[in-house]
């Protein structure tokens, strides 16, 4: 792992922009994207930059089950607001949260991910070490699947909703096995509440109980962390 320590999340976004620019310069065509508060400064920097994704493809990690793309809490809406409206891609793909058949939707997305091999995958990390919505105990070989969200994840995501009861209880998520096929992985973590997960990911044993720890087995991982998220590292 290449670990880049920064002062704060704003500086982290600037470092992430460099990684995206380098990927484009090296011919990367397919970008795996993430949502949530962690990558917001990265998307801010991408939007402000002269970067051009018009010949690129994007595939997103996950989407809530039961939310339409136009729902303000859906990840499709998030991506439009934070990136796609300003920096459109040639094609952008997310799981369909309104799919009637979960198994068919997972199969559809897996075929799509086989067709569009991810050159650079952006990740955050949950407080419990999850990546995407791959919660503790998830298989390291997993493909796209419907996930029952843990209470800690529901609690963390409730800040985006008016009421905790409104937070979806299920999501579609790219599997760990698929994430690990990406050529390069860029993981970001900011804030004191991510420090324990960061320490377990980098210094702990590789175990399904800390899904992000599997990244120790990947040949090309860049980790951008601020001072607070790095505070427990040796």
Protein backbone atom coordinates (compact mmCIF):
# COMPACT_ATOMS: atom_id res chain seq x y z
CA UNK A 1 0.00 0.00 0.00
CA UNK A 2 1.10 3.52 -0.78
CA UNK A 3 -0.07 5.67 2.12
CA UNK A 4 -0.47 9.42 1.62
CA UNK A 5 -1.06 11.36 4.83
CA UNK A 6 -2.70 14.75 4.48
CA UNK A 7 -3.73 17.54 6.83
CA UNK A 8 -7.47 17.25 6.21
CA UNK A 9 -10.19 16.14 3.81
CA UNK A 10 -9.76 19.18 1.56
CA UNK A 11 -6.09 18.38 1.02
CA UNK A 12 -7.11 14.75 0.52
CA UNK A 13 -9.31 15.76 -2.39
CA UNK A 14 -6.40 17.55 -4.03
CA UNK A 15 -4.20 14.44 -3.70
CA UNK A 16 -6.97 12.27 -5.12
CA UNK A 17 -7.24 14.56 -8.16
CA UNK A 18 -3.59 13.78 -8.90
CA UNK A 19 -4.37 10.04 -8.84
CA UNK A 20 -7.28 10.49 -11.25
CA UNK A 21 -5.18 12.62 -13.61
CA UNK A 22 -2.38 10.06 -13.58
CA UNK A 23 -4.87 7.28 -14.32
CA UNK A 24 -6.26 9.15 -17.34
CA UNK A 25 -2.73 9.89 -18.57
CA UNK A 26 -1.97 6.17 -18.31
CA UNK A 27 -4.96 5.28 -20.47
CA UNK A 28 -7.51 4.23 -17.86
CA UNK A 29 -10.97 4.19 -19.46
CA UNK A 30 -13.20 2.80 -16.68
CA UNK A 31 -13.51 4.43 -13.27
CA UNK A 32 -15.20 2.78 -10.30
CA UNK A 33 -16.87 5.43 -8.16
CA UNK A 34 -18.09 5.69 -4.58
CA UNK A 35 -20.64 7.81 -2.73
CA UNK A 36 -21.06 9.19 0.76
CA UNK A 37 -19.35 12.11 2.49
CA UNK A 38 -15.80 10.75 2.09
CA UNK A 39 -15.30 11.38 -1.65
CA UNK A 40 -17.09 14.75 -1.72
CA UNK A 41 -13.89 16.83 -1.71
CA UNK A 42 -12.47 14.56 -4.42
CA UNK A 43 -15.48 15.26 -6.61
CA UNK A 44 -15.20 18.96 -5.78
CA UNK A 45 -11.64 18.94 -7.10
CA UNK A 46 -12.58 16.95 -10.20
CA UNK A 47 -15.38 19.41 -10.98
CA UNK A 48 -13.05 22.43 -10.58
CA UNK A 49 -10.32 20.83 -12.69
CA UNK A 50 -9.84 20.69 -16.46
CA UNK A 51 -10.22 16.90 -16.38
CA UNK A 52 -12.33 15.42 -19.20
CA UNK A 53 -14.30 12.19 -18.72
CA UNK A 54 -16.25 12.44 -21.99
CA UNK A 55 -14.46 9.36 -23.37
CA UNK A 56 -14.54 7.46 -20.06
CA UNK A 57 -16.94 4.99 -18.42
CA UNK A 58 -18.03 5.06 -14.79
CA UNK A 59 -19.41 2.19 -12.71
CA UNK A 60 -20.62 2.76 -9.17
CA UNK A 61 -20.03 0.55 -6.18
CA UNK A 62 -23.56 0.43 -4.85
CA UNK A 63 -27.12 1.72 -4.67
CA UNK A 64 -29.90 1.57 -2.13
CA UNK A 65 -32.69 -0.93 -2.76
CA UNK A 66 -36.06 0.76 -3.18
CA UNK A 67 -34.96 4.26 -4.17
CA UNK A 68 -35.65 5.67 -7.62
CA UNK A 69 -32.76 7.45 -9.41
CA UNK A 70 -34.50 10.79 -8.99
CA UNK A 71 -34.86 10.30 -5.21
CA UNK A 72 -32.59 12.85 -3.54
CA UNK A 73 -31.14 10.15 -1.25
CA UNK A 74 -30.32 7.72 -4.06
CA UNK A 75 -26.72 7.31 -5.10
CA UNK A 76 -27.70 7.98 -8.72
CA UNK A 77 -28.89 11.44 -7.62
CA UNK A 78 -25.77 11.95 -5.49
CA UNK A 79 -23.50 11.23 -8.45
CA UNK A 80 -25.35 13.64 -10.72
CA UNK A 81 -25.24 16.41 -8.15
CA UNK A 82 -21.60 15.95 -7.14
CA UNK A 83 -19.97 14.95 -10.43
CA UNK A 84 -21.94 13.91 -13.50
CA UNK A 85 -23.80 17.18 -14.12
CA UNK A 86 -20.48 19.03 -14.35
CA UNK A 87 -18.26 16.22 -15.66
CA UNK A 88 -20.33 13.79 -17.75
CA UNK A 89 -18.95 10.41 -18.72
CA UNK A 90 -19.60 8.68 -22.05
CA UNK A 91 -21.56 6.07 -20.06
CA UNK A 92 -22.34 5.83 -16.35
CA UNK A 93 -23.69 2.72 -14.63
CA UNK A 94 -25.17 2.08 -11.19
CA UNK A 95 -27.17 -0.85 -9.82
CA UNK A 96 -30.90 -0.39 -10.32
CA UNK A 97 -32.43 0.11 -6.89
CA UNK A 98 -35.92 -0.42 -8.31
CA UNK A 99 -35.18 -3.78 -9.98
CA UNK A 100 -38.02 -6.26 -9.44
CA UNK A 101 -35.76 -9.32 -9.33
CA UNK A 102 -32.66 -8.97 -7.13
CA UNK A 103 -30.89 -12.03 -8.54
CA UNK A 104 -31.36 -10.82 -12.11
CA UNK A 105 -30.13 -7.35 -11.21
CA UNK A 106 -26.98 -8.73 -9.57
CA UNK A 107 -26.33 -10.92 -12.62
CA UNK A 108 -26.87 -7.94 -14.94
CA UNK A 109 -24.41 -5.80 -13.03
CA UNK A 110 -21.78 -8.55 -12.88
CA UNK A 111 -21.95 -8.95 -16.67
CA UNK A 112 -21.55 -5.22 -17.04
CA UNK A 113 -18.49 -5.24 -14.76
CA UNK A 114 -16.97 -8.03 -16.84
CA UNK A 115 -17.49 -5.94 -19.96
CA UNK A 116 -16.07 -2.77 -18.40
CA UNK A 117 -12.92 -3.69 -16.47
CA UNK A 118 -12.23 -1.07 -13.78
CA UNK A 119 -8.88 0.67 -14.10
CA UNK A 120 -9.20 2.87 -11.00
CA UNK A 121 -11.62 2.10 -8.16
CA UNK A 122 -12.40 4.77 -5.57
CA UNK A 123 -13.36 3.53 -2.09
CA UNK A 124 -14.24 4.85 1.32
CA UNK A 125 -14.18 2.74 4.46
CA UNK A 126 -16.91 2.26 7.03
CA UNK A 127 -16.34 2.51 10.75
CA UNK A 128 -16.67 -1.28 10.89
CA UNK A 129 -14.18 -1.73 8.04
CA UNK A 130 -16.70 -2.24 5.26
CA UNK A 131 -15.93 -1.31 1.65
CA UNK A 132 -18.87 -0.69 -0.63
CA UNK A 133 -21.66 -2.27 1.37
CA UNK A 134 -19.61 -5.40 2.02
CA UNK A 135 -20.17 -5.71 5.74
CA UNK A 136 -17.98 -7.70 8.20
CA UNK A 137 -18.12 -11.39 7.34
CA UNK A 138 -18.52 -10.81 3.60
CA UNK A 139 -16.79 -13.29 1.30
CA UNK A 140 -13.55 -12.13 -0.23
CA UNK A 141 -14.69 -13.82 -3.48
CA UNK A 142 -18.08 -12.12 -3.55
CA UNK A 143 -19.73 -10.67 -6.65
CA UNK A 144 -22.59 -8.16 -6.85
CA UNK A 145 -25.17 -9.00 -4.20
CA UNK A 146 -28.11 -7.64 -2.25
CA UNK A 147 -26.97 -6.74 1.25
CA UNK A 148 -28.90 -6.36 4.48
CA UNK A 149 -27.28 -3.29 6.03
CA UNK A 150 -25.98 -3.57 9.57
CA UNK A 151 -27.38 -1.30 12.26
CA UNK A 152 -24.05 0.57 12.49
CA UNK A 153 -24.22 1.35 8.77
CA UNK A 154 -27.86 2.41 9.03
CA UNK A 155 -26.91 4.66 11.95
CA UNK A 156 -24.03 6.19 9.99
CA UNK A 157 -26.23 6.85 6.95
CA UNK A 158 -29.16 8.23 8.95
CA UNK A 159 -27.57 11.69 8.97
CA UNK A 160 -28.57 12.00 5.31
CA UNK A 161 -32.26 11.27 6.02
CA UNK A 162 -34.99 13.11 7.92
CA UNK A 163 -35.68 10.03 10.06
CA UNK A 164 -33.67 6.88 10.72
CA UNK A 165 -36.76 4.86 9.74
CA UNK A 166 -36.39 6.30 6.23
CA UNK A 167 -32.92 4.79 5.73
CA UNK A 168 -33.15 1.82 3.34
CA UNK A 169 -32.39 -1.49 5.01
CA UNK A 170 -30.95 -3.12 1.88
CA UNK A 171 -28.55 -2.16 -0.87
CA UNK A 172 -26.95 -3.64 -3.96
CA UNK A 173 -23.17 -3.72 -3.72
CA UNK A 174 -20.29 -4.68 -5.91
CA UNK A 175 -18.62 -7.66 -4.23
CA UNK A 176 -15.14 -7.75 -2.72
CA UNK A 177 -13.98 -10.22 -5.37
CA UNK A 178 -14.97 -7.74 -8.08
CA UNK A 179 -13.40 -4.77 -6.30
CA UNK A 180 -10.13 -6.69 -6.02
CA UNK A 181 -10.02 -7.16 -9.80
CA UNK A 182 -9.57 -3.40 -10.28
CA UNK A 183 -6.12 -2.46 -11.58
CA UNK A 184 -5.64 0.31 -9.01
CA UNK A 185 -7.61 1.03 -5.83
CA UNK A 186 -7.77 4.46 -4.21
CA UNK A 187 -9.15 4.38 -0.67
CA UNK A 188 -9.86 7.55 1.30
CA UNK A 189 -10.52 7.92 5.02
CA UNK A 190 -10.99 11.13 6.97
CA UNK A 191 -11.79 11.85 10.59
CA UNK A 192 -11.21 10.38 14.04
CA UNK A 193 -14.15 7.99 13.71
CA UNK A 194 -12.30 6.12 10.93
CA UNK A 195 -9.04 5.69 12.85
CA UNK A 196 -9.75 2.21 14.25
CA UNK A 197 -10.91 0.91 10.87
CA UNK A 198 -7.82 2.37 9.17
CA UNK A 199 -5.50 0.75 11.70
CA UNK A 200 -7.23 -2.63 11.28
CA UNK A 201 -7.08 -2.32 7.50
CA UNK A 202 -3.38 -1.49 7.33
CA UNK A 203 -1.84 -3.16 10.39
CA UNK A 204 -4.30 -5.86 11.38
CA UNK A 205 -4.69 -9.42 10.10
CA UNK A 206 -6.42 -10.03 6.78
CA UNK A 207 -9.85 -11.21 7.89
CA UNK A 208 -13.42 -11.06 6.58
CA UNK A 209 -14.33 -9.41 9.90
CA UNK A 210 -12.52 -6.32 8.55
CA UNK A 211 -13.44 -6.40 4.85
CA UNK A 212 -11.00 -3.61 3.92
CA UNK A 213 -8.08 -5.67 5.27
CA UNK A 214 -8.21 -7.70 2.03
CA UNK A 215 -6.63 -4.70 0.32
CA UNK A 216 -3.33 -5.80 1.85
CA UNK A 217 -3.42 -8.54 -0.82
CA UNK A 218 -3.89 -6.15 -3.74
CA UNK A 219 -0.79 -5.15 -5.76
CA UNK A 220 -1.66 -1.47 -6.30
CA UNK A 221 -3.49 0.40 -3.52
CA UNK A 222 -3.23 4.10 -2.72
CA UNK A 223 -4.57 5.15 0.69
CA UNK A 224 -5.22 8.83 1.38
CA UNK A 225 -5.84 9.55 5.07
CA UNK A 226 -5.90 12.69 7.15
CA UNK A 227 -4.12 13.17 10.46
CA UNK A 228 -7.11 12.07 12.55
CA UNK A 229 -7.77 8.90 10.54
CA UNK A 230 -4.05 8.05 10.76
CA UNK A 231 -3.84 8.77 14.50
CA UNK A 232 -3.73 5.13 15.68
CA UNK A 233 -1.15 3.88 13.17
CA UNK A 234 2.24 2.86 14.52
